[in-house]
Amino acid sequence: MFEQHFANYLVEKQRISETQHALVTEQQTSARVKLGLIAVAERLLTHEQAERLNALQRQTDRRFGDLAVENGYLSADQVDKLLEMQGNPYLKLVQILTENEILTMEQIESFLRDYQLQHGFSHDDLQVLKSGNLELIIPLFVQTDQALATKYMSLAIRSVIRLINNQPLLGKMEKVTTYSFGNLAFQETTGDHDLWLGFGSKGDELTEIATPFAKEAFSKMDEDAFDSVCEFINCINGLFTTELSYHDVVLDMQPPLFAQNQSLSRANGFFIVPIELNGRQTDLIVGIDGKVEIN
């Protein structure tokens, strides 16, 4: 997830071209990160030390980790940790950029600092983003002063990743009082809390949810496509109400509904999280304890 954000940032800032971005995307699926690059990225080795070990590896046909331990550069525990990181998507991005001579490691680190400052992430936040751990990454994008809203949105996004698209691109969450839509599917949950969850889009972008969930191709938002999105929302709310029931929170799920070409309003506001799926934007919309009007 973060590697997509950072790659898009590099394009936006004209640090890499659209053609180079396409190359990165193509190679992401097959790239396997080399241990030496991870060690340098983690500041366990210098670039020169890694190159020295690479040269030894070519001469002896032995594993990089074994040579690093034997030559006193790394401990066995450090090598084990690096091996666990070989599938890390961010490190794959770094390797593709450096091996294709698009950017140097120093340039990447400089642009990463710029990204961190622009988006207001702390050092610890950045380490979480680079880790690829979705359970830790998602809360960074949906952090609010309402714990229930944060949990609700986090569960919805995890459901998108698990059931719809495992590589969504999350945008910055906003709290707004009105929202205009072309298509909207939503569900209310009432009881100890009044919860409202929906997915909206300007056009037919909701088909990016309807198609994978129903396992049926939709090119436009017809009644069957809306039924698919509504059922997906129903699954999210089923999981959330079950989770809350373990804490003696009683909720009743109302039938999911859909609407077109209208607007939402709520005096206390609701949360919007843009979610890009296959290059098309849908919006996750969540309201907590307050009536959402459709007009």
Protein backbone atom coordinates (compact mmCIF):
# COMPACT_ATOMS: atom_id res chain seq x y z
CA MET A 1 0.00 0.00 0.00
CA PHE A 2 2.66 2.56 1.02
CA GLU A 3 4.86 1.73 -1.96
CA GLN A 4 2.00 2.82 -4.24
CA HIS A 5 1.57 6.08 -2.32
CA PHE A 6 5.29 6.81 -2.48
CA ALA A 7 5.62 5.87 -6.17
CA ASN A 8 2.68 8.15 -7.00
CA TYR A 9 4.30 10.91 -4.95
CA LEU A 10 7.50 10.54 -6.98
CA VAL A 11 5.51 10.93 -10.21
CA GLU A 12 3.56 13.89 -8.83
CA LYS A 13 6.82 15.63 -7.87
CA GLN A 14 8.33 14.71 -11.28
CA ARG A 15 11.07 12.67 -9.66
CA ILE A 16 10.20 9.73 -11.91
CA SER A 17 8.32 9.64 -15.22
CA GLU A 18 5.04 7.90 -16.03
CA THR A 19 7.03 5.38 -18.10
CA GLN A 20 9.32 4.63 -15.17
CA HIS A 21 6.29 4.32 -12.89
CA ALA A 22 4.81 1.73 -15.29
CA LEU A 23 8.09 -0.21 -15.19
CA VAL A 24 8.05 -0.19 -11.38
CA THR A 25 4.45 -1.46 -11.32
CA GLU A 26 5.27 -4.24 -13.79
CA GLN A 27 8.30 -5.46 -11.86
CA GLN A 28 6.70 -5.24 -8.40
CA THR A 29 4.97 -8.63 -8.78
CA SER A 30 8.12 -10.59 -9.60
CA ALA A 31 10.87 -8.74 -7.74
CA ARG A 32 12.59 -10.43 -4.81
CA VAL A 33 14.52 -8.07 -2.59
CA LYS A 34 18.22 -8.78 -2.18
CA LEU A 35 19.52 -9.14 1.35
CA GLY A 36 22.26 -6.57 0.78
CA LEU A 37 19.80 -3.86 -0.22
CA ILE A 38 17.65 -4.53 2.84
CA ALA A 39 20.71 -4.36 5.10
CA VAL A 40 21.71 -1.00 3.60
CA ALA A 41 18.14 0.33 3.80
CA GLU A 42 18.00 -0.72 7.46
CA ARG A 43 21.41 0.90 8.05
CA LEU A 44 22.94 -2.38 9.19
CA LEU A 45 25.53 -2.21 6.40
CA THR A 46 27.07 0.59 4.36
CA HIS A 47 26.77 0.49 0.58
CA GLU A 48 30.48 -0.33 0.35
CA GLN A 49 30.18 -3.26 2.78
CA ALA A 50 27.23 -4.67 0.85
CA GLU A 51 29.17 -4.39 -2.43
CA ARG A 52 32.14 -6.15 -0.83
CA LEU A 53 29.89 -9.03 0.24
CA ASN A 54 28.25 -9.13 -3.20
CA ALA A 55 31.70 -9.52 -4.77
CA LEU A 56 32.55 -12.33 -2.33
CA GLN A 57 29.25 -14.00 -3.14
CA ARG A 58 30.04 -13.99 -6.86
CA GLN A 59 33.49 -15.46 -6.18
CA THR A 60 32.42 -18.18 -3.74
CA ASP A 61 28.79 -18.92 -4.78
CA ARG A 62 27.77 -18.79 -1.12
CA ARG A 63 24.77 -17.11 0.50
CA PHE A 64 24.99 -13.42 1.29
CA GLY A 65 23.80 -13.92 4.88
CA ASP A 66 26.40 -16.60 5.62
CA LEU A 67 29.18 -14.40 4.29
CA ALA A 68 27.93 -11.39 6.27
CA VAL A 69 28.01 -13.38 9.52
CA GLU A 70 31.35 -15.01 8.72
CA ASN A 71 32.95 -11.63 8.02
CA GLY A 72 31.54 -10.08 11.18
CA TYR A 73 29.22 -7.62 9.47
CA LEU A 74 25.95 -9.07 10.78
CA SER A 75 24.78 -11.44 13.49
CA ALA A 76 22.74 -14.55 12.71
CA ASP A 77 19.68 -12.90 14.32
CA GLN A 78 20.08 -9.86 12.09
CA VAL A 79 20.26 -12.08 9.00
CA ASP A 80 17.08 -13.89 10.10
CA LYS A 81 15.30 -10.55 10.46
CA LEU A 82 16.46 -9.45 6.99
CA LEU A 83 15.23 -12.71 5.46
CA GLU A 84 11.77 -12.04 6.92
CA MET A 85 11.75 -8.68 5.12
CA GLN A 86 12.47 -9.99 1.62
CA GLY A 87 8.83 -9.77 0.55
CA ASN A 88 8.45 -6.17 1.77
CA PRO A 89 6.72 -4.13 -1.00
CA TYR A 90 8.49 -0.86 -0.14
CA LEU A 91 11.89 -2.51 -0.33
CA LYS A 92 10.90 -4.04 -3.67
CA LEU A 93 10.21 -0.51 -4.89
CA VAL A 94 13.61 0.69 -3.65
CA GLN A 95 15.37 -2.20 -5.39
CA ILE A 96 13.58 -1.62 -8.70
CA LEU A 97 14.39 2.10 -8.62
CA THR A 98 18.07 1.55 -7.83
CA GLU A 99 18.74 -1.47 -10.05
CA ASN A 100 17.18 0.25 -13.05
CA GLU A 101 19.27 3.35 -12.25
CA ILE A 102 16.15 5.49 -11.94
CA LEU A 103 17.14 6.84 -8.51
CA THR A 104 20.01 6.31 -6.10
CA MET A 105 19.48 5.19 -2.52
CA GLU A 106 20.48 8.67 -1.35
CA GLN A 107 17.87 10.30 -3.60
CA ILE A 108 15.17 7.90 -2.41
CA GLU A 109 15.95 8.69 1.24
CA SER A 110 15.87 12.43 0.49
CA PHE A 111 12.50 12.20 -1.28
CA LEU A 112 11.20 10.01 1.55
CA ARG A 113 12.04 12.76 4.06
CA ASP A 114 10.19 15.27 1.86
CA TYR A 115 7.18 12.92 1.72
CA GLN A 116 7.24 12.55 5.50
CA LEU A 117 7.27 16.31 6.06
CA GLN A 118 4.53 16.99 3.51
CA HIS A 119 2.18 14.42 5.03
CA GLY A 120 2.99 15.08 8.67
CA PHE A 121 4.12 11.55 9.51
CA SER A 122 6.39 10.98 12.50
CA HIS A 123 9.51 8.83 12.30
CA ASP A 124 7.61 5.96 13.93
CA ASP A 125 4.70 6.41 11.50
CA LEU A 126 7.12 6.14 8.58
CA GLN A 127 8.60 2.92 9.94
CA VAL A 128 5.08 1.49 10.19
CA LEU A 129 4.33 2.52 6.59
CA LYS A 130 7.53 0.94 5.32
CA SER A 131 6.86 -2.27 7.26
CA GLY A 132 3.95 -3.30 5.03
CA ASN A 133 1.94 -4.38 8.10
CA LEU A 134 -1.63 -3.45 7.15
CA GLU A 135 -2.94 -3.87 10.70
CA LEU A 136 -0.63 -1.04 11.74
CA ILE A 137 -0.81 1.02 8.53
CA ILE A 138 -4.60 1.39 8.22
CA PRO A 139 -5.09 3.30 11.52
CA LEU A 140 -2.64 5.95 10.27
CA PHE A 141 -5.15 6.87 7.55
CA VAL A 142 -8.30 6.75 9.67
CA GLN A 143 -7.19 8.16 13.01
CA THR A 144 -9.97 10.19 14.64
CA ASP A 145 -10.90 11.36 18.12
CA GLN A 146 -13.76 8.82 18.02
CA ALA A 147 -12.41 5.35 18.78
CA LEU A 148 -15.57 3.68 17.48
CA ALA A 149 -15.28 5.46 14.13
CA THR A 150 -11.61 4.48 13.80
CA LYS A 151 -12.43 0.82 14.49
CA TYR A 152 -15.38 0.91 12.08
CA MET A 153 -13.41 2.41 9.21
CA SER A 154 -10.43 0.12 9.87
CA LEU A 155 -12.66 -2.95 9.65
CA ALA A 156 -14.27 -1.67 6.43
CA ILE A 157 -10.86 -1.11 4.81
CA ARG A 158 -9.58 -4.52 5.93
CA SER A 159 -12.71 -6.02 4.35
CA VAL A 160 -11.96 -4.21 1.09
CA ILE A 161 -8.44 -5.62 1.14
CA ARG A 162 -9.61 -9.15 2.00
CA LEU A 163 -12.65 -9.41 -0.30
CA ILE A 164 -12.36 -6.76 -3.03
CA ASN A 165 -8.83 -5.64 -3.88
CA ASN A 166 -5.65 -6.41 -1.94
CA GLN A 167 -3.87 -3.31 -3.26
CA PRO A 168 -6.17 -0.33 -2.59
CA LEU A 169 -4.75 3.17 -2.56
CA LEU A 170 -6.06 5.08 0.45
CA GLY A 171 -6.45 8.86 0.36
CA LYS A 172 -6.50 11.35 3.19
CA MET A 173 -9.56 11.05 5.43
CA GLU A 174 -11.78 14.11 5.72
CA LYS A 175 -14.68 15.05 7.95
CA VAL A 176 -17.42 16.85 6.00
CA THR A 177 -21.04 17.83 6.52
CA THR A 178 -22.22 17.31 2.91
CA TYR A 179 -21.35 14.86 0.14
CA SER A 180 -22.70 14.72 -3.41
CA PHE A 181 -22.75 11.41 -5.24
CA GLY A 182 -23.72 9.79 -8.50
CA ASN A 183 -24.11 6.35 -6.93
CA LEU A 184 -24.37 5.32 -3.28
CA ALA A 185 -24.94 2.08 -1.40
CA PHE A 186 -25.39 2.30 2.37
CA GLN A 187 -26.74 0.70 5.53
CA GLU A 188 -27.87 2.02 8.91
CA THR A 189 -27.36 0.16 12.17
CA THR A 190 -29.42 1.22 15.18
CA GLY A 191 -29.45 0.45 18.90
CA ASP A 192 -26.91 1.42 21.53
CA HIS A 193 -25.21 3.39 18.75
CA ASP A 194 -26.56 4.75 15.48
CA LEU A 195 -24.04 3.76 12.81
CA TRP A 196 -24.10 4.63 9.12
CA LEU A 197 -21.77 3.12 6.53
CA GLY A 198 -21.78 3.56 2.78
CA PHE A 199 -19.69 3.52 -0.38
CA GLY A 200 -20.18 6.33 -2.86
CA SER A 201 -18.82 7.40 -6.24
CA LYS A 202 -19.31 10.14 -8.79
CA GLY A 203 -19.93 7.72 -11.64
CA ASP A 204 -19.87 3.94 -12.06
CA GLU A 205 -16.69 3.44 -10.02
CA LEU A 206 -18.63 1.33 -7.50
CA THR A 207 -18.45 -1.48 -10.06
CA GLU A 208 -14.89 -1.96 -8.74
CA ILE A 209 -16.56 -3.26 -5.57
CA ALA A 210 -19.57 -4.95 -7.19
CA THR A 211 -17.61 -7.01 -9.72
CA PRO A 212 -15.12 -8.81 -7.42
CA PHE A 213 -17.64 -9.32 -4.63
CA ALA A 214 -20.28 -10.88 -6.91
CA LYS A 215 -17.65 -12.50 -9.14
CA GLU A 216 -19.64 -11.13 -12.06
CA ALA A 217 -18.52 -8.40 -14.44
CA PHE A 218 -20.47 -5.13 -14.19
CA SER A 219 -19.80 -2.18 -16.50
CA LYS A 220 -22.41 0.09 -14.93
CA MET A 221 -24.30 0.42 -11.66
CA ASP A 222 -27.55 -1.40 -12.36
CA GLU A 223 -29.74 -3.06 -9.73
CA ASP A 224 -27.66 -6.24 -9.63
CA ALA A 225 -24.46 -4.25 -9.15
CA PHE A 226 -26.03 -2.28 -6.30
CA ASP A 227 -27.20 -5.55 -4.72
CA SER A 228 -23.60 -6.77 -4.74
CA VAL A 229 -22.24 -3.61 -3.06
CA CYS A 230 -25.10 -3.66 -0.54
CA GLU A 231 -24.33 -7.27 0.34
CA PHE A 232 -20.67 -6.37 0.84
CA ILE A 233 -21.70 -3.57 3.22
CA ASN A 234 -23.99 -6.02 5.01
CA CYS A 235 -21.00 -8.34 5.53
CA ILE A 236 -18.92 -5.50 7.02
CA ASN A 237 -21.71 -4.54 9.42
CA GLY A 238 -22.31 -8.17 10.34
CA LEU A 239 -18.67 -8.46 11.39
CA PHE A 240 -18.73 -5.17 13.27
CA THR A 241 -21.98 -5.76 15.16
CA THR A 242 -20.77 -9.22 16.15
CA GLU A 243 -17.51 -7.77 17.44
CA LEU A 244 -19.35 -5.12 19.46
CA SER A 245 -21.78 -7.68 20.85
CA TYR A 246 -18.86 -9.27 22.74
CA HIS A 247 -18.71 -5.95 24.64
CA ASP A 248 -22.46 -5.97 25.41
CA VAL A 249 -23.24 -3.39 22.68
CA VAL A 250 -26.64 -4.22 21.15
CA LEU A 251 -27.20 -3.18 17.51
CA ASP A 252 -29.80 -3.97 14.85
CA MET A 253 -28.82 -3.89 11.18
CA GLN A 254 -31.36 -2.26 8.88
CA PRO A 255 -31.74 -3.40 5.24
CA PRO A 256 -29.04 -1.93 2.99
CA LEU A 257 -30.26 0.59 0.41
CA PHE A 258 -28.96 2.50 -2.59
CA ALA A 259 -29.51 5.92 -4.12
CA GLN A 260 -28.38 7.90 -7.15
CA ASN A 261 -27.62 11.53 -8.02
CA GLN A 262 -28.35 13.06 -4.63
CA SER A 263 -26.40 14.36 -1.64
CA LEU A 264 -25.80 13.47 1.99
CA SER A 265 -25.84 15.87 4.90
CA ARG A 266 -25.23 15.54 8.61
CA ALA A 267 -24.94 18.40 11.10
CA ASN A 268 -22.13 16.78 13.08
CA GLY A 269 -20.35 15.62 9.95
CA PHE A 270 -19.24 12.24 8.70
CA PHE A 271 -15.93 10.71 7.68
CA ILE A 272 -14.90 10.22 4.06
CA VAL A 273 -11.96 7.97 3.10
CA PRO A 274 -11.10 7.96 -0.63
CA ILE A 275 -10.22 4.44 -1.80
CA GLU A 276 -8.73 4.04 -5.26
CA LEU A 277 -9.38 0.62 -6.79
CA ASN A 278 -7.72 -0.14 -10.13
CA GLY A 279 -7.21 3.56 -10.69
CA ARG A 280 -10.85 4.49 -10.00
CA GLN A 281 -11.96 6.33 -6.86
CA THR A 282 -14.71 5.21 -4.54
CA ASP A 283 -15.39 6.77 -1.14
CA LEU A 284 -15.93 5.02 2.17
CA ILE A 285 -18.42 7.07 4.21
CA VAL A 286 -19.01 6.58 7.94
CA GLY A 287 -21.26 8.40 10.41
CA ILE A 288 -21.45 7.74 14.15
CA ASP A 289 -24.40 8.60 16.41
CA GLY A 290 -26.36 11.07 14.35
CA LYS A 291 -28.86 10.99 11.51
CA VAL A 292 -27.56 11.16 7.96
CA GLU A 293 -29.98 12.88 5.58
CA ILE A 294 -30.25 12.03 1.87
CA ASN A 295 -31.78 14.72 -0.30
